[in-house]
Structure formats: structure tokens, C-alpha cells
Amino acid sequence: MMRAMLSLLAALACLTPSAAQFKCLSGNCFNGFSECVYPSGARFAGYFEDGRIHGQGTILFSNGDRYTGEWKNHQREGKGEFVFADGRKYTGDFLRNRQHGTGTLLYPNGDRYEGQFADGVRQGRGILYHADGSTLSGMWEMDQYRPEWGKTVVLGDTANLRNCNAVPCPEGVGKYSYRDGSRYYGQFIKGNPEGNGSVYYPGGDRYEGEWKNHAPNGQGVMYYKSGKVLGAVWNAGKPARELFYESEHFDRGGIKIERSSEVKIWAIVVGVAQYNHMPTLRYTDDDAYQLYAFLKSPEGGALPDQQIQILVDEDATRVNILNAMKAVLLRADENDVVLFYFSGHGLQGCFLPADYDGHNNKLYHQEVREVLLASRAKHKLVLADACHAGSLMAMRNGVVGSALQTYYEAFDKSEGGLALLLSSKGEEYSLEDGGLRSGVFSHFLIRGLKGEADVDRNKIVTVQELHDFTYERVRRYTAGVQSPVLSGLFDKHMPVAIVR
């Protein structure tokens, strides 16, 4: 009887997207103008065709976002306006619920971007108009400005360029030597070095970019002999607006790497309970807050704010999750630990973020793995409480201070690797329980981390101990319906918590 009840609960907890229903408030919600409300509280008013939203309509999301515009087959598609709760406003093209095509994005601080979008972010050519009157024009990639430095570099044999110290160079390309030993290779306008060019300084520095009045002026990048790299908008030789900065402490994407001999833990915690196109979950957001609190505690490593980020409900969109993972987890160095936790709906091969619309914005397991593999961290741990989480496997000062020191030293003794501790097998469902007021897996996960999994009583909980504890308790509680799994290439002695 209990097994049958749990199987039913599993089916209800992980309904397919097509099973998510709305309540019709007016009209027939089949043809013509109607109004309806989703389980999350989102309200729609607009036109239906053959039971699907199609035509003009407005939806007010439960988080305060609002979209007004064209719809096609239940999705935002065509021309529309999306007003975000944080004050941003996008007007332009939509495709499959995302900003896609040409549009304008207004920011609360007065900035304005006009240009191309793809999959909800700035992608392609565009212009950012700053409130102070300055502009930033060029190519954008994954919402980030990408200067086209290649157009500023003079290629080929510079020895054969016109020597503009010896002959007039009214226009075109040439070379010019300054009295201080600096050498310019690039464009000339009205006999002066001006336009795109490369400059080699006698001290070993090099500049590539726009040049005017014998100094960097416009967009350009300075390569310093020390290894520092500064991309900026320059004015009379000085950086007026920094675009990116790199040094021996930064990777080529501008992500800061925290290099040190000590072990640090970096974590992203995600919990999604409120969905617009899936049944609302009851405890996943609470589970995320509980794990976050544990990681901030001495037993969990006492993580400072700059090493942990939590994303819950409307903040936990696909783009936000991936950006947070890259911004936090890629800062780890070769001595460190990175942790990713997700609690919410899941389908085969993916997690479902808050902006999952029934088809788009799946967070594929492969995307999570790629970020983790890109991290330099020695130890990598994934904790997932979601239906079909197991499909992730298929991708190949005082006593407290002393205990913390022991905990971090244990990482040095472990060989590291990537460990995936998942709530269920790939074909199984992950359950929530009203009596526990939590996901079953997350409930026993937290209990294990707090010390119950420390079977050898050495005051350190290892990933193998944590799996053994959650597996036994979850299997027993669910009468065998749900089976946590541990996979990956890792040292089974990898520590995950300390016990006081």
C-alpha cells in the first residue's frame, strides 16, 4: 500500500509539462478572448485558438514581470514588450518565449541597448548608450561585450610598410617611429597616425586599438610587460571606461582566479518551487535555504559571502544559474572545492529552472558538467534532488577553528575528482514528503551532513559515508521507490562536512 501511494506521489511530483493546467476565469479559454490563472499565480488575458494561447495577450507573472505582445502556440513569439520587476524593459522580437532578434533594452540607471538578441541575452551587433552620453558599439556574446580587437592589428610584414617618417602618408597604412622609441603600425589620416593600429613601447608594453593625437583614443587593449592586460575605452592615453582586466590572476575570459595555498570552498545553491508551466513544489526552496545555512555554518565550512551564491525561485533562471556557476565556481584554483546543489523539477537529461516554459530553458546536465570540468578545482561535488537526477551519471579560533582546520586539511589528503550524489536513478522520481516538510533526499542529506553519516566517528563526513547514509535512509523511507546514487571519478574519502 505504501509503495503504491509513493508511486502516485512521485507521478504527481514530476508531471510532464503538458499536464500543467491553468484555471479559466472568463471566456472559454479555447477560442477567442479569455482570462486564466496558472498554479503559480501568473495571470493571462488574451486570445486563444484551439485551446492554445495564440494572438495578442498579456501575462502578469507572480514575481511582478509583465509581457504584452504577440503569442504563437502558447509561446511568446513575434513583437512584444517585456517589463521586468527590477525595472528593465525590453521591446522587440521574441521567439519561443525569449528575446530573440532585434530589440531595445532600457535599464533603470538610464542606459539603453539597441541591437541584436538571441535566446534572451544580447548577442550579435549592438550599441549600448550610457546615461552619461558615451556609447559602446560592437559585437556582444552571451550578454557580454566582445571588442573586435582583431580589426585593429596590422598583419603581415611590417618591414615593407611605408616609412611615414621619411615619406608623406596622407592616407592608408604605414609605420611611424616616435622620439621616445615607440613604434606605430597602422592607419594614417591627413598625414597623422590615426585610426586602428598597433604601438610597441620601448619598455616592452604593447597597445592595439584606436589611436588619435599620438595616444590611445577609443576602444583598445593594452598588453603590459608585467602580464597585465587592460581593455578599455581610452581618452587621450588614459582608460576612461574599463571593459575587462586580466593578469596572472585572471583567465582569458576575465574571470578572477583566487590563487592561494589554502583550500577554499565555492558553492552554488539552487532551489525552485514556483513554476509557471509545471506544478508548484512545496519544499524545494526551503531545502536550498537549509543547505545554504549549513554551508555558512562551521560544520559546512563557514563559507564567506563571496564564495557562495543562492538562487531561489524567480532568480533561478537558466541564464542566471549558468552565469552564477561561471562567476563563482571558475574562481577556484587547483587546491579548492566547488559544489553545485539543485532542488526542483527534473526531466531525463536536465534540470528545470524557474523560466522553463514547457519546452525551452532546460538546464541540461551536460551544461552543468561542462562548467564543472572547466573549473580548476581539485574537488567537485554535485548534489541534486530532482526527478531523473540519475541521468546525470550517463554523461561521463578555539574548538571550531581547530575542527575547521582538520576539515580543510582532509581535502589536501584526498585525491579529489568529480563526485555526483544524486537523489534517484535516471528512471526514478524524487519525492517530497509533507511529514518531513522537505524533499526526502534533501532531508536525509542535511541530517547526514550534520553528523549522522559519520559512521567511523572520526569527526569528518566523507562523500562515500554520505551516500551510504542517504541511500539506506531514503530507500527505507520510500519502501524502495527512490534510490540515491553516487557516481563519477573521485576519491571516496573526499570530505563533505565536519562534526563537532
Protein backbone atom coordinates (compact mmCIF):
# COMPACT_ATOMS: atom_id res chain seq x y z
CA MET A 1 0.00 0.00 0.00
CA MET A 2 2.76 2.44 0.97
CA ARG A 3 4.68 1.64 -2.22
CA ALA A 4 1.60 2.38 -4.32
CA MET A 5 0.99 5.66 -2.53
CA LEU A 6 4.61 6.70 -3.01
CA SER A 7 4.47 5.82 -6.70
CA LEU A 8 1.40 8.02 -7.04
CA LEU A 9 3.13 10.85 -5.18
CA ALA A 10 6.10 10.50 -7.50
CA ALA A 11 3.95 10.80 -10.57
CA LEU A 12 2.24 13.88 -9.18
CA ALA A 13 5.55 15.49 -8.14
CA CYS A 14 7.06 15.16 -11.62
CA LEU A 15 4.21 15.75 -14.05
CA THR A 16 5.12 16.20 -17.68
CA PRO A 17 4.93 19.79 -18.97
CA SER A 18 1.78 19.07 -20.96
CA ALA A 19 -0.01 18.13 -17.75
CA ALA A 20 0.45 21.56 -16.16
CA GLN A 21 -3.02 23.16 -16.15
CA PHE A 22 -4.41 26.68 -15.75
CA LYS A 23 -7.76 27.74 -14.36
CA CYS A 24 -10.08 29.57 -16.77
CA LEU A 25 -11.53 32.76 -15.24
CA SER A 26 -13.54 34.17 -18.15
CA GLY A 27 -14.31 33.16 -21.71
CA ASN A 28 -13.89 29.51 -22.65
CA CYS A 29 -10.04 29.50 -22.81
CA PHE A 30 -10.36 27.64 -26.10
CA ASN A 31 -11.22 30.22 -28.75
CA GLY A 32 -11.44 33.99 -28.58
CA PHE A 33 -10.58 36.38 -25.76
CA SER A 34 -10.29 34.73 -22.32
CA GLU A 35 -8.62 35.12 -18.96
CA CYS A 36 -6.90 32.42 -16.90
CA VAL A 37 -4.60 31.91 -13.93
CA TYR A 38 -1.70 29.43 -13.61
CA PRO A 39 -0.94 27.36 -10.48
CA SER A 40 1.97 29.73 -9.70
CA GLY A 41 -0.40 32.72 -9.62
CA ALA A 42 0.56 34.09 -13.06
CA ARG A 43 -2.49 35.65 -14.82
CA PHE A 44 -3.07 35.81 -18.57
CA ALA A 45 -5.58 37.86 -20.55
CA GLY A 46 -5.67 37.47 -24.31
CA TYR A 47 -6.65 35.37 -27.26
CA PHE A 48 -6.90 31.60 -27.61
CA GLU A 49 -7.10 29.45 -30.70
CA ASP A 50 -7.98 25.76 -30.48
CA GLY A 51 -7.14 25.68 -26.79
CA ARG A 52 -3.74 27.38 -27.06
CA ILE A 53 -2.73 30.98 -26.46
CA HIS A 54 -2.42 32.49 -29.92
CA GLY A 55 -2.54 36.16 -30.94
CA GLN A 56 -2.31 39.23 -28.73
CA GLY A 57 -2.18 38.84 -24.98
CA THR A 58 -0.76 39.99 -21.66
CA ILE A 59 0.64 37.85 -18.86
CA LEU A 60 1.47 39.12 -15.37
CA PHE A 61 3.89 36.76 -13.64
CA SER A 62 3.79 36.10 -9.92
CA ASN A 63 7.21 37.76 -9.47
CA GLY A 64 5.98 41.07 -10.99
CA ASP A 65 7.30 40.60 -14.56
CA ARG A 66 4.83 41.51 -17.33
CA TYR A 67 4.70 40.68 -21.04
CA THR A 68 2.35 42.25 -23.60
CA GLY A 69 2.51 41.27 -27.23
CA GLU A 70 2.14 38.50 -29.77
CA TRP A 71 1.78 34.80 -28.94
CA LYS A 72 2.01 31.71 -31.08
CA ASN A 73 1.04 28.22 -29.95
CA HIS A 74 1.20 29.08 -26.25
CA GLN A 75 4.57 30.87 -26.52
CA ARG A 76 5.69 34.49 -26.67
CA GLU A 77 6.59 34.89 -30.33
CA GLY A 78 6.61 37.94 -32.58
CA LYS A 79 6.65 41.57 -31.43
CA GLY A 80 6.21 42.36 -27.77
CA GLU A 81 7.21 44.26 -24.66
CA PHE A 82 8.57 42.62 -21.51
CA VAL A 83 8.76 44.73 -18.34
CA PHE A 84 10.93 43.15 -15.65
CA ALA A 85 10.17 43.52 -11.96
CA ASP A 86 13.66 45.02 -11.46
CA GLY A 87 12.82 47.98 -13.75
CA ARG A 88 14.30 46.82 -17.05
CA LYS A 89 12.10 46.98 -20.15
CA TYR A 90 12.64 45.14 -23.44
CA THR A 91 10.76 45.99 -26.63
CA GLY A 92 11.33 43.98 -29.77
CA ASP A 93 11.32 40.48 -31.26
CA PHE A 94 10.52 37.28 -29.38
CA LEU A 95 10.98 33.65 -30.37
CA ARG A 96 9.95 30.67 -28.23
CA ASN A 97 9.43 32.87 -25.15
CA ARG A 98 12.86 34.53 -25.33
CA GLN A 99 14.13 37.90 -26.56
CA HIS A 100 15.40 36.88 -29.98
CA GLY A 101 16.04 39.12 -32.98
CA THR A 102 16.24 42.91 -32.86
CA GLY A 103 15.17 44.92 -29.85
CA THR A 104 15.79 47.67 -27.33
CA LEU A 105 16.54 47.10 -23.65
CA LEU A 106 16.16 50.01 -21.21
CA TYR A 107 17.92 49.87 -17.84
CA PRO A 108 16.81 51.54 -14.59
CA ASN A 109 20.03 53.60 -14.48
CA GLY A 110 19.21 55.26 -17.83
CA ASP A 111 21.42 53.08 -20.05
CA ARG A 112 19.92 51.77 -23.30
CA TYR A 113 20.98 48.90 -25.54
CA GLU A 114 19.80 48.71 -29.15
CA GLY A 115 20.75 45.75 -31.26
CA GLN A 116 20.56 42.01 -31.65
CA PHE A 117 19.43 39.42 -29.12
CA ALA A 118 19.47 35.62 -29.08
CA ASP A 119 17.96 33.24 -26.52
CA GLY A 120 17.15 36.08 -24.12
CA VAL A 121 20.54 37.82 -24.00
CA ARG A 122 22.46 40.40 -26.02
CA GLN A 123 24.04 38.50 -28.87
CA GLY A 124 25.33 39.97 -32.11
CA ARG A 125 25.90 43.57 -33.11
CA GLY A 126 24.56 46.37 -30.94
CA ILE A 127 25.14 49.74 -29.32
CA LEU A 128 24.99 50.47 -25.60
CA TYR A 129 24.11 54.10 -24.91
CA HIS A 130 25.25 55.09 -21.43
CA ALA A 131 23.29 57.62 -19.41
CA ASP A 132 26.35 59.90 -19.37
CA GLY A 133 26.25 60.22 -23.17
CA SER A 134 29.06 57.79 -24.01
CA THR A 135 28.47 54.75 -26.20
CA LEU A 136 29.83 51.25 -26.59
CA SER A 137 29.42 49.80 -30.07
CA GLY A 138 30.35 46.41 -31.44
CA MET A 139 29.71 42.71 -31.01
CA TRP A 140 28.08 41.05 -28.00
CA GLU A 141 28.35 37.42 -27.00
CA MET A 142 26.28 35.73 -24.25
CA ASP A 143 25.28 39.18 -22.93
CA GLN A 144 28.93 40.32 -22.69
CA TYR A 145 30.66 42.94 -24.83
CA ARG A 146 33.37 41.41 -27.01
CA PRO A 147 35.67 44.02 -28.59
CA GLU A 148 36.74 43.14 -32.12
CA TRP A 149 40.41 43.58 -31.39
CA GLY A 150 41.42 41.63 -34.49
CA LYS A 151 40.43 44.55 -36.73
CA THR A 152 42.96 46.79 -35.01
CA VAL A 153 46.00 44.63 -35.58
CA VAL A 154 48.30 45.30 -38.55
CA LEU A 155 49.16 41.90 -40.01
CA GLY A 156 51.92 40.86 -42.38
CA ASP A 157 55.50 42.04 -42.80
CA THR A 158 55.72 45.46 -41.14
CA ALA A 159 59.16 45.95 -42.67
CA ASN A 160 57.50 46.57 -46.04
CA LEU A 161 55.09 49.21 -44.71
CA ARG A 162 55.64 52.79 -45.82
CA ASN A 163 58.02 54.61 -43.52
CA CYS A 164 55.95 57.68 -42.73
CA ASN A 165 58.93 59.35 -41.02
CA ALA A 166 60.62 59.50 -44.42
CA VAL A 167 57.73 59.97 -46.88
CA PRO A 168 54.34 61.71 -46.59
CA CYS A 169 51.46 59.39 -45.64
CA PRO A 170 48.25 61.37 -46.20
CA GLU A 171 46.04 58.24 -46.07
CA GLY A 172 46.29 54.46 -45.84
CA VAL A 173 48.55 52.27 -43.74
CA GLY A 174 52.12 52.90 -42.68
CA LYS A 175 54.63 52.93 -39.80
CA TYR A 176 55.91 55.74 -37.68
CA SER A 177 58.63 55.95 -35.02
CA TYR A 178 58.42 58.39 -32.10
CA ARG A 179 61.41 60.06 -30.46
CA ASP A 180 60.96 58.06 -27.26
CA GLY A 181 61.40 54.82 -29.23
CA SER A 182 57.69 53.92 -29.56
CA ARG A 183 56.74 52.42 -32.93
CA TYR A 184 53.28 52.80 -34.54
CA TYR A 185 51.96 50.49 -37.26
CA GLY A 186 48.53 51.34 -38.60
CA GLN A 187 46.26 53.78 -40.33
CA PHE A 188 47.03 57.41 -41.24
CA ILE A 189 44.59 60.26 -41.72
CA LYS A 190 45.74 63.62 -43.18
CA GLY A 191 49.38 62.68 -42.62
CA ASN A 192 48.98 61.75 -38.94
CA PRO A 193 48.93 58.33 -37.23
CA GLU A 194 45.20 57.95 -36.63
CA GLY A 195 42.68 55.11 -36.75
CA ASN A 196 43.32 51.46 -35.92
CA GLY A 197 46.87 50.48 -35.17
CA SER A 198 49.44 48.69 -33.05
CA VAL A 199 52.00 50.50 -30.88
CA TYR A 200 55.14 48.97 -29.40
CA TYR A 201 56.60 50.90 -26.46
CA PRO A 202 60.32 50.82 -25.59
CA GLY A 203 59.61 49.34 -22.15
CA GLY A 204 58.00 46.22 -23.63
CA ASP A 205 54.31 47.21 -23.42
CA ARG A 206 52.08 46.91 -26.50
CA TYR A 207 48.82 48.65 -27.43
CA GLU A 208 46.29 47.54 -30.04
CA GLY A 209 43.27 49.65 -30.84
CA GLU A 210 42.11 53.09 -31.86
CA TRP A 211 44.74 55.84 -31.93
CA LYS A 212 44.48 59.62 -32.22
CA ASN A 213 46.68 62.62 -31.35
CA HIS A 214 49.60 60.24 -30.77
CA ALA A 215 47.88 58.36 -27.93
CA PRO A 216 45.32 55.59 -27.33
CA ASN A 217 41.91 57.10 -28.04
CA GLY A 218 38.77 54.98 -28.40
CA GLN A 219 38.44 51.23 -27.92
CA GLY A 220 41.70 49.39 -27.37
CA VAL A 221 43.64 46.90 -25.31
CA MET A 222 46.98 47.45 -23.59
CA TYR A 223 49.28 44.45 -23.07
CA TYR A 224 51.71 45.30 -20.30
CA LYS A 225 55.12 43.67 -19.99
CA SER A 226 54.16 42.53 -16.48
CA GLY A 227 51.43 40.29 -17.92
CA LYS A 228 48.56 42.61 -17.06
CA VAL A 229 46.04 43.13 -19.89
CA LEU A 230 43.64 46.08 -19.85
CA GLY A 231 40.82 46.51 -22.35
CA ALA A 232 39.18 49.92 -22.17
CA VAL A 233 37.70 52.91 -23.90
CA TRP A 234 40.66 55.31 -23.91
CA ASN A 235 40.68 59.11 -23.88
CA ALA A 236 43.96 60.93 -24.57
CA GLY A 237 46.02 57.94 -23.46
CA LYS A 238 44.08 57.19 -20.27
CA PRO A 239 41.43 54.49 -19.69
CA ALA A 240 38.10 56.33 -19.43
CA ARG A 241 35.95 53.19 -19.18
CA GLU A 242 37.38 49.76 -18.30
CA LEU A 243 35.99 46.88 -20.39
CA PHE A 244 37.96 43.99 -18.95
CA TYR A 245 41.07 43.34 -16.94
CA GLU A 246 43.37 40.32 -16.91
CA SER A 247 46.59 39.40 -15.18
CA GLU A 248 48.24 36.26 -13.89
CA HIS A 249 45.24 36.10 -11.54
CA PHE A 250 42.65 36.19 -14.35
CA ASP A 251 41.77 33.74 -17.08
CA ARG A 252 41.26 34.79 -20.71
CA GLY A 253 37.56 35.37 -20.09
CA GLY A 254 38.23 37.90 -17.35
CA ILE A 255 37.20 35.56 -14.51
CA LYS A 256 39.28 36.19 -11.42
CA ILE A 257 41.14 33.14 -10.13
CA GLU A 258 41.72 33.13 -6.37
CA ARG A 259 45.16 31.54 -6.18
CA SER A 260 46.44 30.57 -2.74
CA SER A 261 47.96 27.60 -0.97
CA GLU A 262 44.94 27.18 1.32
CA VAL A 263 41.82 25.21 0.44
CA LYS A 264 38.65 27.20 -0.28
CA ILE A 265 35.11 26.00 -0.92
CA TRP A 266 32.97 27.65 -3.64
CA ALA A 267 29.27 26.82 -3.87
CA ILE A 268 26.13 27.49 -5.92
CA VAL A 269 22.82 26.52 -4.26
CA VAL A 270 19.62 26.46 -6.35
CA GLY A 271 16.05 25.80 -5.24
CA VAL A 272 12.95 26.15 -7.43
CA ALA A 273 9.43 25.70 -6.06
CA GLN A 274 7.42 28.21 -8.12
CA TYR A 275 6.92 27.32 -11.78
CA ASN A 276 4.64 28.90 -14.37
CA HIS A 277 4.45 25.79 -16.55
CA MET A 278 4.96 22.98 -14.04
CA PRO A 279 3.18 22.00 -10.81
CA THR A 280 4.38 24.06 -7.85
CA LEU A 281 6.65 22.20 -5.44
CA ARG A 282 6.30 22.69 -1.71
CA TYR A 283 9.71 22.39 -0.08
CA THR A 284 12.49 22.72 -2.65
CA ASP A 285 13.15 26.38 -1.82
CA ASP A 286 13.29 25.54 1.90
CA ASP A 287 15.73 22.70 1.15
CA ALA A 288 18.01 25.15 -0.65
CA TYR A 289 17.94 27.59 2.26
CA GLN A 290 18.75 24.78 4.70
CA LEU A 291 21.79 23.68 2.70
CA TYR A 292 22.89 27.30 2.31
CA ALA A 293 22.67 27.77 6.09
CA PHE A 294 24.65 24.57 6.62
CA LEU A 295 27.45 25.70 4.28
CA LYS A 296 27.63 29.03 6.12
CA SER A 297 27.98 27.16 9.44
CA PRO A 298 31.31 25.88 10.82
CA GLU A 299 30.29 22.27 10.10
CA GLY A 300 29.79 23.09 6.42
CA GLY A 301 33.00 25.09 6.02
CA ALA A 302 31.90 28.57 7.22
CA LEU A 303 31.82 29.88 3.65
CA PRO A 304 32.13 33.67 3.32
CA ASP A 305 29.61 35.52 1.14
CA GLN A 306 31.98 35.91 -1.83
CA GLN A 307 32.35 32.11 -2.09
CA ILE A 308 28.68 31.10 -2.11
CA GLN A 309 25.58 32.21 -4.01
CA ILE A 310 21.98 31.05 -3.58
CA LEU A 311 19.34 31.30 -6.32
CA VAL A 312 15.72 30.62 -5.37
CA ASP A 313 12.52 30.63 -7.45
CA GLU A 314 12.34 33.57 -9.93
CA ASP A 315 16.08 34.25 -9.55
CA ALA A 316 16.87 30.67 -10.59
CA THR A 317 16.56 31.10 -14.37
CA ARG A 318 18.72 29.09 -16.74
CA VAL A 319 20.94 32.04 -17.66
CA ASN A 320 21.25 33.16 -14.02
CA ILE A 321 22.28 29.69 -12.89
CA LEU A 322 24.92 29.28 -15.60
CA ASN A 323 26.25 32.81 -15.08
CA ALA A 324 26.45 32.27 -11.30
CA MET A 325 28.27 28.97 -11.78
CA LYS A 326 30.82 30.61 -14.05
CA ALA A 327 31.23 33.70 -11.87
CA VAL A 328 31.75 31.72 -8.65
CA LEU A 329 32.98 28.21 -9.44
CA LEU A 330 35.53 29.25 -12.08
CA ARG A 331 37.30 31.40 -9.49
CA ALA A 332 38.54 28.28 -7.73
CA ASP A 333 42.17 27.23 -8.11
CA GLU A 334 43.83 23.81 -8.10
CA ASN A 335 43.59 23.44 -4.29
CA ASP A 336 39.89 24.25 -3.98
CA VAL A 337 36.47 22.62 -3.77
CA VAL A 338 33.41 23.51 -5.88
CA LEU A 339 29.85 22.41 -5.03
CA PHE A 340 26.64 22.64 -7.06
CA TYR A 341 23.25 21.86 -5.48
CA PHE A 342 19.91 21.80 -7.33
CA SER A 343 16.47 21.12 -5.87
CA GLY A 344 13.48 21.33 -8.19
CA HIS A 345 11.77 19.59 -11.10
CA GLY A 346 13.83 17.45 -13.44
CA LEU A 347 13.41 15.53 -16.68
CA GLN A 348 15.65 12.97 -18.33
CA GLY A 349 18.97 14.69 -19.01
CA CYS A 350 18.15 18.07 -17.49
CA PHE A 351 17.11 20.18 -14.52
CA LEU A 352 14.19 22.60 -14.91
CA PRO A 353 14.92 26.22 -13.90
CA ALA A 354 12.22 28.72 -12.93
CA ASP A 355 11.84 30.04 -16.51
CA TYR A 356 11.21 26.62 -18.04
CA ASP A 357 8.18 27.17 -20.29
CA GLY A 358 7.29 23.63 -21.22
CA HIS A 359 9.89 23.38 -23.96
CA ASN A 360 12.67 25.97 -23.66
CA ASN A 361 15.21 26.86 -20.95
CA LYS A 362 16.09 23.38 -19.79
CA LEU A 363 19.34 23.28 -17.83
CA TYR A 364 20.98 20.27 -19.41
CA HIS A 365 23.17 18.05 -17.27
CA GLN A 366 25.86 18.36 -19.91
CA GLU A 367 25.95 22.15 -19.40
CA VAL A 368 26.49 21.66 -15.67
CA ARG A 369 29.24 19.15 -16.32
CA GLU A 370 30.99 21.48 -18.78
CA VAL A 371 31.24 24.27 -16.22
CA LEU A 372 32.47 21.86 -13.56
CA LEU A 373 35.07 20.40 -15.91
CA ALA A 374 36.23 23.92 -16.80
CA SER A 375 36.87 24.63 -13.12
CA ARG A 376 40.44 24.17 -11.92
CA ALA A 377 39.21 22.87 -8.56
CA LYS A 378 40.66 19.61 -7.30
CA HIS A 379 37.37 18.52 -5.69
CA LYS A 380 34.00 18.84 -7.44
CA LEU A 381 30.69 17.80 -5.90
CA VAL A 382 27.16 17.80 -7.35
CA LEU A 383 24.17 17.31 -5.02
CA ALA A 384 20.87 17.05 -6.91
CA ASP A 385 17.35 16.48 -5.58
CA ALA A 386 15.25 16.26 -8.73
CA CYS A 387 13.32 13.65 -10.70
CA HIS A 388 15.55 11.59 -13.02
CA ALA A 389 18.67 13.16 -11.46
CA GLY A 390 20.47 9.89 -12.03
CA SER A 391 20.59 10.57 -15.77
CA LEU A 392 23.43 12.95 -14.92
CA MET A 393 25.55 9.82 -14.46
CA ALA A 394 25.22 8.85 -18.06
CA MET A 395 27.38 11.82 -19.10
CA ARG A 396 30.56 10.65 -18.39
CA ASN A 397 39.84 30.03 16.85
CA GLY A 398 39.01 27.52 19.63
CA VAL A 399 37.38 24.16 19.02
CA VAL A 400 35.52 25.38 15.94
CA GLY A 401 38.68 26.74 14.37
CA SER A 402 40.55 23.54 15.10
CA ALA A 403 37.79 21.42 13.61
CA LEU A 404 37.65 23.60 10.51
CA GLN A 405 41.39 23.28 10.05
CA THR A 406 41.06 19.49 10.25
CA TYR A 407 38.25 19.60 7.69
CA TYR A 408 40.21 21.65 5.16
CA GLU A 409 43.35 19.58 5.74
CA ALA A 410 41.32 16.49 4.83
CA PHE A 411 40.86 17.90 1.33
CA ASP A 412 44.63 18.02 0.91
CA LYS A 413 44.84 14.32 1.77
CA SER A 414 42.10 13.38 -0.69
CA GLU A 415 42.90 12.80 -4.35
CA GLY A 416 39.86 14.83 -5.42
CA GLY A 417 37.80 14.30 -8.57
CA LEU A 418 34.16 14.82 -9.59
CA ALA A 419 31.50 13.18 -7.39
CA LEU A 420 27.79 13.15 -8.30
CA LEU A 421 25.47 12.39 -5.37
CA LEU A 422 22.00 12.26 -6.89
CA SER A 423 18.58 11.79 -5.34
CA SER A 424 17.38 8.99 -7.63
CA LYS A 425 18.23 6.72 -10.51
CA GLY A 426 17.74 8.02 -14.04
CA GLU A 427 14.36 6.33 -14.43
CA GLU A 428 13.10 7.13 -10.91
CA TYR A 429 11.16 10.01 -9.37
CA SER A 430 12.32 12.07 -6.40
CA LEU A 431 9.72 12.58 -3.70
CA GLU A 432 8.63 15.35 -1.38
CA ASP A 433 7.04 14.48 1.94
CA GLY A 434 4.59 16.57 3.98
CA GLY A 435 5.60 14.89 7.22
CA LEU A 436 9.26 15.75 6.70
CA ARG A 437 8.36 19.13 5.15
CA SER A 438 11.21 18.54 2.72
CA GLY A 439 12.34 16.51 -0.23
CA VAL A 440 13.05 13.03 1.12
CA PHE A 441 16.60 13.04 -0.25
CA SER A 442 17.39 16.58 0.93
CA HIS A 443 16.06 15.79 4.42
CA PHE A 444 18.44 12.88 4.92
CA LEU A 445 21.22 14.71 3.05
CA ILE A 446 21.19 17.52 5.63
CA ARG A 447 20.97 15.05 8.51
CA GLY A 448 23.94 13.15 7.12
CA LEU A 449 25.98 16.31 6.65
CA LYS A 450 25.25 17.34 10.24
CA GLY A 451 26.92 14.19 11.52
CA GLU A 452 24.64 11.16 11.32
CA ALA A 453 26.61 9.85 8.33
CA ASP A 454 29.90 9.82 10.25
CA VAL A 455 29.88 6.06 10.89
CA ASP A 456 33.58 5.78 11.79
CA ARG A 457 33.22 8.68 14.29
CA ASN A 458 36.36 10.47 13.07
CA LYS A 459 34.53 13.82 13.01
CA ILE A 460 34.67 14.01 9.20
CA VAL A 461 31.82 13.01 6.86
CA THR A 462 33.13 11.67 3.55
CA VAL A 463 31.19 11.59 0.28
CA GLN A 464 31.03 7.78 0.48
CA GLU A 465 29.65 7.91 4.02
CA LEU A 466 27.09 10.50 2.95
CA HIS A 467 25.94 8.33 0.05
CA ASP A 468 25.70 5.20 2.18
CA PHE A 469 23.63 7.05 4.78
CA THR A 470 21.24 8.72 2.32
CA TYR A 471 20.86 5.53 0.28
CA GLU A 472 19.88 3.42 3.27
CA ARG A 473 17.54 6.02 4.81
CA VAL A 474 15.85 7.12 1.57
CA ARG A 475 15.32 3.53 0.38
CA ARG A 476 13.83 2.60 3.74
CA TYR A 477 11.59 5.69 3.94
CA THR A 478 10.24 5.29 0.38
CA ALA A 479 9.92 1.49 0.53
CA GLY A 480 12.47 1.17 -2.27
CA VAL A 481 10.77 3.58 -4.70
CA GLN A 482 13.70 6.04 -4.65
CA SER A 483 17.38 5.10 -4.67
CA PRO A 484 20.12 7.77 -4.32
CA VAL A 485 23.19 7.09 -6.44
CA LEU A 486 26.85 8.11 -6.25
CA SER A 487 28.86 8.28 -9.46
CA GLY A 488 31.91 9.90 -11.04
CA LEU A 489 35.68 9.62 -10.78
CA PHE A 490 36.60 10.64 -7.23
CA ASP A 491 38.32 9.67 -4.01
CA LYS A 492 35.74 8.04 -1.74
CA HIS A 493 37.46 9.74 1.21
CA MET A 494 36.61 13.20 -0.17
CA PRO A 495 35.32 15.14 2.88
CA VAL A 496 31.96 16.92 2.73
CA ALA A 497 31.42 18.07 6.36
CA ILE A 498 32.87 18.10 9.84
CA VAL A 499 31.24 17.06 13.11
CA ARG A 500 31.62 19.00 16.34
